[in-house]
Each structure stands twice: as structure tokens, then as C-alpha cells.
């Protein structure tokens, strides 16, 4: 029978549980804990803050677990997909708050990892990992097109012959 790393993943799971238990701010165990609602998005000067959500984000970022599968050289955790799954399972099981919810983590970072040069990666990725920078995506405002006379979006179907 194939070994899919069960023993190693079990040991990692034990390590994750212990780390989460030791590093999760006690204040956040109260579901009604008051925290900065912007903290989870990162991108603000949080240095020296005692806000428990910010403390949590910093601790997880120092471990590289805000982006667990990103390479360590850019601040990520360097975890395998299986280890990242274990981390996610343990965070869910323990009802730990998400440390960082960032457009940079979801969209920009993966693009930088794939296409950026080394200088760009070293400049931007660690800031995304640590929640030090916030990225966004702009969308065009279509309202003027709808309200301008004679300017309407449209689509037509054309039949083609073989």
C-alpha cells in the first residue's frame, strides 16, 4: 500500500495544534472581541498595535502561514499542499480567526510568483505576506455608458456558414 505521508502529516498536525494554541491571542477566543475591522485586510501602519487581530496576523505572518504554500524566501511558509490542508483543517477545527484576507494573497501574489522577476518578487511578496500592503483591483464604472444618450452596450449573434 502506498504511503501518502500519514505519519509525517500526523506529526505536523500535532505541531500545528500546539503552535495555534500557544500563539492565538486569548482575547480572540471571545467571539464578541472588539477588534479593528480593517485589520484583517492589512495594508495599514499597524506597528506597535495591541489590537488582538493585528497581533494574530503578525504572529501568523512571522511563521509564513498567511500564505502557507508560498516559498520561504518570499516570506511564505514553504508548506506542501498536504501540510497547508492540515493547517486549514486545524484552523477551522479550532475556530481560529483568519489572520489576513487580502487581494494580494488571492490574486496579485500568485501572478507575481508566476511572472514577476526576482527583484519584483522580493519587493512585493514579503509585504503581502505580512499584511504591510493592501492591493485592490479597479473596475470601470459602466454607469456613464448606460446613461449617455446613444451609448448602450449591446451584443448580436451572427450566423456563420461552414
C-alpha atoms as a PDB file:
ATOM      1  CA  UNK A   1       0.000   0.000   0.000  1.00  0.00           C
ATOM      2  CA  UNK A   2       1.256   3.492  -0.834  1.00  0.00           C
ATOM      3  CA  UNK A   3       2.344   5.783   1.993  1.00  0.00           C
ATOM      4  CA  UNK A   4       0.928   9.285   1.494  1.00  0.00           C
ATOM      5  CA  UNK A   5       2.897  10.778   4.372  1.00  0.00           C
ATOM      6  CA  UNK A   6       0.419   9.854   7.088  1.00  0.00           C
ATOM      7  CA  UNK A   7       2.919   9.680   9.930  1.00  0.00           C
ATOM      8  CA  UNK A   8       4.645  12.916   8.876  1.00  0.00           C
ATOM      9  CA  UNK A   9       1.303  14.697   8.472  1.00  0.00           C
ATOM     10  CA  UNK A  10       0.146  13.452  11.868  1.00  0.00           C
ATOM     11  CA  UNK A  11       3.307  14.859  13.445  1.00  0.00           C
ATOM     12  CA  UNK A  12       2.802  18.125  11.569  1.00  0.00           C
ATOM     13  CA  UNK A  13      -0.823  18.271  12.736  1.00  0.00           C
ATOM     14  CA  UNK A  14       0.339  17.933  16.346  1.00  0.00           C
ATOM     15  CA  UNK A  15       2.879  20.718  15.800  1.00  0.00           C
ATOM     16  CA  UNK A  16       0.221  22.964  14.217  1.00  0.00           C
ATOM     17  CA  UNK A  17      -2.241  22.417  17.067  1.00  0.00           C
ATOM     18  CA  UNK A  18       0.400  23.266  19.646  1.00  0.00           C
ATOM     19  CA  UNK A  19       1.536  26.372  17.763  1.00  0.00           C
ATOM     20  CA  UNK A  20      -2.009  27.655  17.243  1.00  0.00           C
ATOM     21  CA  UNK A  21      -2.889  27.079  20.883  1.00  0.00           C
ATOM     22  CA  UNK A  22       0.254  28.865  22.089  1.00  0.00           C
ATOM     23  CA  UNK A  23       0.030  31.818  19.700  1.00  0.00           C
ATOM     24  CA  UNK A  24      -3.661  32.641  19.353  1.00  0.00           C
ATOM     25  CA  UNK A  25      -4.432  35.780  21.389  1.00  0.00           C
ATOM     26  CA  UNK A  26      -6.667  34.932  24.336  1.00  0.00           C
ATOM     27  CA  UNK A  27      -8.865  37.969  23.587  1.00  0.00           C
ATOM     28  CA  UNK A  28      -9.872  36.457  20.236  1.00  0.00           C
ATOM     29  CA  UNK A  29     -11.307  33.367  21.900  1.00  0.00           C
ATOM     30  CA  UNK A  30     -14.288  35.567  22.785  1.00  0.00           C
ATOM     31  CA  UNK A  31     -16.471  35.725  19.648  1.00  0.00           C
ATOM     32  CA  UNK A  32     -17.551  39.232  20.676  1.00  0.00           C
ATOM     33  CA  UNK A  33     -13.989  40.535  20.956  1.00  0.00           C
ATOM     34  CA  UNK A  34     -13.646  44.095  19.698  1.00  0.00           C
ATOM     35  CA  UNK A  35     -11.001  44.403  17.024  1.00  0.00           C
ATOM     36  CA  UNK A  36     -10.171  46.858  14.276  1.00  0.00           C
ATOM     37  CA  UNK A  37     -12.467  45.756  11.418  1.00  0.00           C
ATOM     38  CA  UNK A  38      -9.819  46.828   8.896  1.00  0.00           C
ATOM     39  CA  UNK A  39      -7.052  44.759  10.473  1.00  0.00           C
ATOM     40  CA  UNK A  40      -7.835  41.556   8.586  1.00  0.00           C
ATOM     41  CA  UNK A  41      -7.236  43.334   5.250  1.00  0.00           C
ATOM     42  CA  UNK A  42      -3.739  44.506   6.134  1.00  0.00           C
ATOM     43  CA  UNK A  43      -2.150  47.483   4.451  1.00  0.00           C
ATOM     44  CA  UNK A  44      -2.211  49.957   7.290  1.00  0.00           C
ATOM     45  CA  UNK A  45       0.523  51.054   9.676  1.00  0.00           C
ATOM     46  CA  UNK A  46      -0.057  48.567  12.493  1.00  0.00           C
ATOM     47  CA  UNK A  47       3.365  48.819  14.135  1.00  0.00           C
ATOM     48  CA  UNK A  48       3.085  48.726  17.893  1.00  0.00           C
ATOM     49  CA  UNK A  49      -0.645  47.965  17.851  1.00  0.00           C
ATOM     50  CA  UNK A  50      -2.015  45.792  20.629  1.00  0.00           C
ATOM     51  CA  UNK A  51      -5.218  45.017  18.702  1.00  0.00           C
ATOM     52  CA  UNK A  52      -5.534  41.229  19.059  1.00  0.00           C
ATOM     53  CA  UNK A  53      -6.381  40.708  15.363  1.00  0.00           C
ATOM     54  CA  UNK A  54      -3.224  42.564  14.380  1.00  0.00           C
ATOM     55  CA  UNK A  55      -1.170  40.634  16.925  1.00  0.00           C
ATOM     56  CA  UNK A  56      -2.583  37.412  15.447  1.00  0.00           C
ATOM     57  CA  UNK A  57      -1.841  38.486  11.868  1.00  0.00           C
ATOM     58  CA  UNK A  58       1.754  39.369  12.768  1.00  0.00           C
ATOM     59  CA  UNK A  59       2.361  36.066  14.548  1.00  0.00           C
ATOM     60  CA  UNK A  60       0.957  34.011  11.675  1.00  0.00           C
ATOM     61  CA  UNK A  61       2.872  36.098   9.119  1.00  0.00           C
ATOM     62  CA  UNK A  62       6.143  35.577  11.025  1.00  0.00           C
ATOM     63  CA  UNK A  63       5.521  31.839  10.721  1.00  0.00           C
ATOM     64  CA  UNK A  64       4.790  32.280   6.990  1.00  0.00           C
ATOM     65  CA  UNK A  65       1.319  30.823   7.384  1.00  0.00           C
ATOM     66  CA  UNK A  66      -0.675  33.751   5.986  1.00  0.00           C
ATOM     67  CA  UNK A  67       0.359  32.171   2.662  1.00  0.00           C
ATOM     68  CA  UNK A  68       1.440  28.703   3.732  1.00  0.00           C
ATOM     69  CA  UNK A  69       2.395  27.313   0.312  1.00  0.00           C
ATOM     70  CA  UNK A  70       4.399  30.304  -0.901  1.00  0.00           C
ATOM     71  CA  UNK A  71       8.186  29.829  -0.883  1.00  0.00           C
ATOM     72  CA  UNK A  72      10.003  30.711   2.328  1.00  0.00           C
ATOM     73  CA  UNK A  73      12.383  33.058   0.502  1.00  0.00           C
ATOM     74  CA  UNK A  74       9.429  35.436  -0.038  1.00  0.00           C
ATOM     75  CA  UNK A  75       8.027  35.100   3.486  1.00  0.00           C
ATOM     76  CA  UNK A  76       5.662  32.196   2.881  1.00  0.00           C
ATOM     77  CA  UNK A  77       5.505  29.022   4.889  1.00  0.00           C
ATOM     78  CA  UNK A  78       7.022  26.740   2.260  1.00  0.00           C
ATOM     79  CA  UNK A  79       4.441  24.084   3.127  1.00  0.00           C
ATOM     80  CA  UNK A  80       3.375  21.291   0.822  1.00  0.00           C
ATOM     81  CA  UNK A  81      -0.262  21.329  -0.330  1.00  0.00           C
ATOM     82  CA  UNK A  82      -0.937  18.477   2.120  1.00  0.00           C
ATOM     83  CA  UNK A  83       0.570  20.416   5.020  1.00  0.00           C
ATOM     84  CA  UNK A  84      -1.402  23.523   4.034  1.00  0.00           C
ATOM     85  CA  UNK A  85      -4.574  21.430   4.078  1.00  0.00           C
ATOM     86  CA  UNK A  86      -3.719  20.232   7.598  1.00  0.00           C
ATOM     87  CA  UNK A  87      -3.157  23.835   8.694  1.00  0.00           C
ATOM     88  CA  UNK A  88      -6.521  24.899   7.223  1.00  0.00           C
ATOM     89  CA  UNK A  89      -8.269  21.957   8.874  1.00  0.00           C
ATOM     90  CA  UNK A  90      -6.780  22.766  12.271  1.00  0.00           C
ATOM     91  CA  UNK A  91      -7.622  26.460  11.980  1.00  0.00           C
ATOM     92  CA  UNK A  92     -11.214  25.559  11.124  1.00  0.00           C
ATOM     93  CA  UNK A  93     -11.483  22.917  13.857  1.00  0.00           C
ATOM     94  CA  UNK A  94     -10.179  25.344  16.475  1.00  0.00           C
ATOM     95  CA  UNK A  95     -12.360  28.184  15.156  1.00  0.00           C
ATOM     96  CA  UNK A  96      -9.349  30.433  14.782  1.00  0.00           C
ATOM     97  CA  UNK A  97      -9.954  33.704  13.017  1.00  0.00           C
ATOM     98  CA  UNK A  98      -8.499  34.185   9.578  1.00  0.00           C
ATOM     99  CA  UNK A  99      -5.320  36.201  10.119  1.00  0.00           C
ATOM    100  CA  UNK A 100      -5.218  38.002   6.755  1.00  0.00           C
ATOM    101  CA  UNK A 101      -7.779  38.351   3.975  1.00  0.00           C
ATOM    102  CA  UNK A 102      -6.025  40.117   1.172  1.00  0.00           C
ATOM    103  CA  UNK A 103      -6.459  40.629  -2.548  1.00  0.00           C
ATOM    104  CA  UNK A 104      -2.669  40.451  -2.684  1.00  0.00           C
ATOM    105  CA  UNK A 105      -2.782  36.935  -1.242  1.00  0.00           C
ATOM    106  CA  UNK A 106      -5.573  35.715  -3.541  1.00  0.00           C
ATOM    107  CA  UNK A 107      -4.810  37.364  -6.851  1.00  0.00           C
ATOM    108  CA  UNK A 108      -1.731  39.543  -7.141  1.00  0.00           C
ATOM    109  CA  UNK A 109       0.705  37.323  -5.251  1.00  0.00           C
ATOM    110  CA  UNK A 110       0.112  34.241  -7.394  1.00  0.00           C
ATOM    111  CA  UNK A 111       0.618  36.337 -10.542  1.00  0.00           C
ATOM    112  CA  UNK A 112       3.843  37.760  -9.149  1.00  0.00           C
ATOM    113  CA  UNK A 113       5.061  34.284  -8.213  1.00  0.00           C
ATOM    114  CA  UNK A 114       4.443  33.116 -11.760  1.00  0.00           C
ATOM    115  CA  UNK A 115       5.509  36.093 -13.881  1.00  0.00           C
ATOM    116  CA  UNK A 116       7.490  38.657 -11.879  1.00  0.00           C
ATOM    117  CA  UNK A 117      11.239  38.963 -11.999  1.00  0.00           C
ATOM    118  CA  UNK A 118      13.241  38.246  -8.849  1.00  0.00           C
ATOM    119  CA  UNK A 119      13.529  41.919  -7.876  1.00  0.00           C
ATOM    120  CA  UNK A 120       9.747  42.390  -8.096  1.00  0.00           C
ATOM    121  CA  UNK A 121       9.103  39.248  -6.062  1.00  0.00           C
ATOM    122  CA  UNK A 122      11.493  40.325  -3.288  1.00  0.00           C
ATOM    123  CA  UNK A 123       9.976  43.814  -3.260  1.00  0.00           C
ATOM    124  CA  UNK A 124       6.280  42.942  -3.111  1.00  0.00           C
ATOM    125  CA  UNK A 125       5.689  39.404  -1.855  1.00  0.00           C
ATOM    126  CA  UNK A 126       7.033  39.826   1.710  1.00  0.00           C
ATOM    127  CA  UNK A 127       4.843  42.922   2.129  1.00  0.00           C
ATOM    128  CA  UNK A 128       1.795  40.926   1.035  1.00  0.00           C
ATOM    129  CA  UNK A 129       2.659  38.052   3.402  1.00  0.00           C
ATOM    130  CA  UNK A 130       2.998  40.398   6.368  1.00  0.00           C
ATOM    131  CA  UNK A 131      -0.128  42.420   5.640  1.00  0.00           C
ATOM    132  CA  UNK A 132       2.037  45.509   5.220  1.00  0.00           C
ATOM    133  CA  UNK A 133       0.494  46.455   1.893  1.00  0.00           C
ATOM    134  CA  UNK A 134      -3.026  46.305   0.538  1.00  0.00           C
ATOM    135  CA  UNK A 135      -3.808  45.727  -3.109  1.00  0.00           C
ATOM    136  CA  UNK A 136      -7.076  46.204  -4.904  1.00  0.00           C
ATOM    137  CA  UNK A 137      -8.499  45.809  -8.369  1.00  0.00           C
ATOM    138  CA  UNK A 138     -10.368  48.611 -10.048  1.00  0.00           C
ATOM    139  CA  UNK A 139     -13.370  48.063 -12.254  1.00  0.00           C
ATOM    140  CA  UNK A 140     -14.685  50.570 -14.778  1.00  0.00           C
ATOM    141  CA  UNK A 141     -17.836  52.430 -13.905  1.00  0.00           C
ATOM    142  CA  UNK A 142     -20.400  51.432 -16.509  1.00  0.00           C
ATOM    143  CA  UNK A 143     -22.993  53.953 -15.336  1.00  0.00           C
ATOM    144  CA  UNK A 144     -21.981  56.648 -17.839  1.00  0.00           C
ATOM    145  CA  UNK A 145     -22.439  54.168 -20.713  1.00  0.00           C
ATOM    146  CA  UNK A 146     -25.956  53.363 -19.527  1.00  0.00           C
ATOM    147  CA  UNK A 147     -26.958  56.945 -19.000  1.00  0.00           C
ATOM    148  CA  UNK A 148     -25.311  58.599 -22.006  1.00  0.00           C
ATOM    149  CA  UNK A 149     -27.750  59.046 -24.885  1.00  0.00           C
ATOM    150  CA  UNK A 150     -26.983  56.803 -27.824  1.00  0.00           C
ATOM    151  CA  UNK A 151     -24.362  54.848 -25.896  1.00  0.00           C
ATOM    152  CA  UNK A 152     -25.610  51.381 -24.982  1.00  0.00           C
ATOM    153  CA  UNK A 153     -23.777  48.111 -24.639  1.00  0.00           C
ATOM    154  CA  UNK A 154     -25.132  45.501 -26.990  1.00  0.00           C
ATOM    155  CA  UNK A 155     -24.391  42.079 -28.403  1.00  0.00           C
ATOM    156  CA  UNK A 156     -25.508  40.425 -31.626  1.00  0.00           C
ATOM    157  CA  UNK A 157     -25.470  36.860 -32.735  1.00  0.00           C
ATOM    158  CA  UNK A 158     -24.315  36.203 -36.285  1.00  0.00           C
ATOM    159  CA  UNK A 159     -24.937  33.031 -38.118  1.00  0.00           C
ATOM    160  CA  UNK A 160     -21.893  31.633 -39.809  1.00  0.00           C
ATOM    161  CA  UNK A 161     -21.818  29.210 -42.644  1.00  0.00           C
ATOM    162  CA  UNK A 162     -19.329  26.458 -42.885  1.00  0.00           C
END
